[in-house]
Amino acid sequence: MNQLTVRELMMIEDEIRAEQLAAKTMNWCASTCQDQTMRTQLEQMAEQHQLRVGELSQYFNRAKHMQ
């Protein structure tokens, strides 16, 4: 893997925060939703965002250790 610039690392950090916020928002929406089908869809969307957080965090940590 090539070394990432500080700017690129900051952009990854920003994306991690955006994905975390999206996951929290989806979970909150699901908790207020009365329709079970919609609730399930929102929970699945939240889970996908949380998985992206994990993937980006792993990438970020590997890149940061190579600096």
Protein backbone atom coordinates (compact mmCIF):
# COMPACT_ATOMS: atom_id res chain seq x y z
CA MET A 1 0.00 0.00 0.00
CA ASN A 2 1.28 3.45 -0.83
CA GLN A 3 1.58 5.97 1.95
CA LEU A 4 -1.38 8.29 2.27
CA THR A 5 -1.01 12.00 2.70
CA VAL A 6 -2.20 13.74 5.85
CA ARG A 7 -5.06 15.20 3.84
CA GLU A 8 -6.14 11.76 2.65
CA LEU A 9 -6.04 10.43 6.21
CA MET A 10 -8.17 13.37 7.34
CA MET A 11 -10.67 12.62 4.60
CA ILE A 12 -10.92 9.01 5.77
CA GLU A 13 -11.50 10.23 9.33
CA ASP A 14 -14.25 12.53 8.06
CA GLU A 15 -15.90 9.65 6.22
CA ILE A 16 -15.74 7.47 9.34
CA ARG A 17 -17.52 10.21 11.31
CA ALA A 18 -20.14 10.60 8.57
CA GLU A 19 -20.81 6.85 8.54
CA GLN A 20 -21.10 6.81 12.35
CA LEU A 21 -23.58 9.66 12.22
CA ALA A 22 -25.59 7.92 9.51
CA ALA A 23 -25.72 4.70 11.56
CA LYS A 24 -26.86 6.57 14.67
CA THR A 25 -29.50 8.46 12.69
CA MET A 26 -30.85 5.27 11.12
CA ASN A 27 -31.00 3.58 14.54
CA TRP A 28 -32.82 6.55 16.01
CA CYS A 29 -35.30 6.60 13.14
CA ALA A 30 -35.87 2.86 13.55
CA SER A 31 -36.53 3.29 17.26
CA THR A 32 -39.28 5.82 16.56
CA CYS A 33 -40.83 3.92 13.65
CA GLN A 34 -44.19 2.18 14.17
CA ASP A 35 -44.12 0.23 10.89
CA GLN A 36 -42.20 -3.03 11.46
CA THR A 37 -41.13 -3.35 7.82
CA MET A 38 -39.72 0.17 7.78
CA ARG A 39 -38.07 -0.39 11.17
CA THR A 40 -36.33 -3.51 9.85
CA GLN A 41 -35.13 -1.68 6.74
CA LEU A 42 -33.77 1.20 8.83
CA GLU A 43 -31.99 -1.22 11.17
CA GLN A 44 -30.41 -2.97 8.18
CA MET A 45 -29.28 0.38 6.78
CA ALA A 46 -27.76 1.28 10.15
CA GLU A 47 -25.92 -2.02 10.20
CA GLN A 48 -24.48 -1.39 6.74
CA HIS A 49 -23.20 2.02 7.82
CA GLN A 50 -21.66 0.47 10.93
CA LEU A 51 -19.92 -2.17 8.80
CA ARG A 52 -18.45 0.63 6.66
CA VAL A 53 -17.16 2.28 9.84
CA GLY A 54 -15.32 -0.93 10.67
CA GLU A 55 -13.89 -1.28 7.18
CA LEU A 56 -12.75 2.32 7.01
CA SER A 57 -11.29 2.15 10.51
CA GLN A 58 -9.22 -0.89 9.62
CA TYR A 59 -7.95 0.82 6.47
CA PHE A 60 -7.23 4.02 8.39
CA ASN A 61 -5.34 2.17 11.13
CA ARG A 62 -3.20 0.26 8.62
CA ALA A 63 -2.42 3.44 6.69
CA LYS A 64 -1.63 5.38 9.85
CA HIS A 65 0.83 2.73 11.09
CA MET A 66 2.68 2.86 7.78
CA GLN A 67 3.35 6.60 8.11
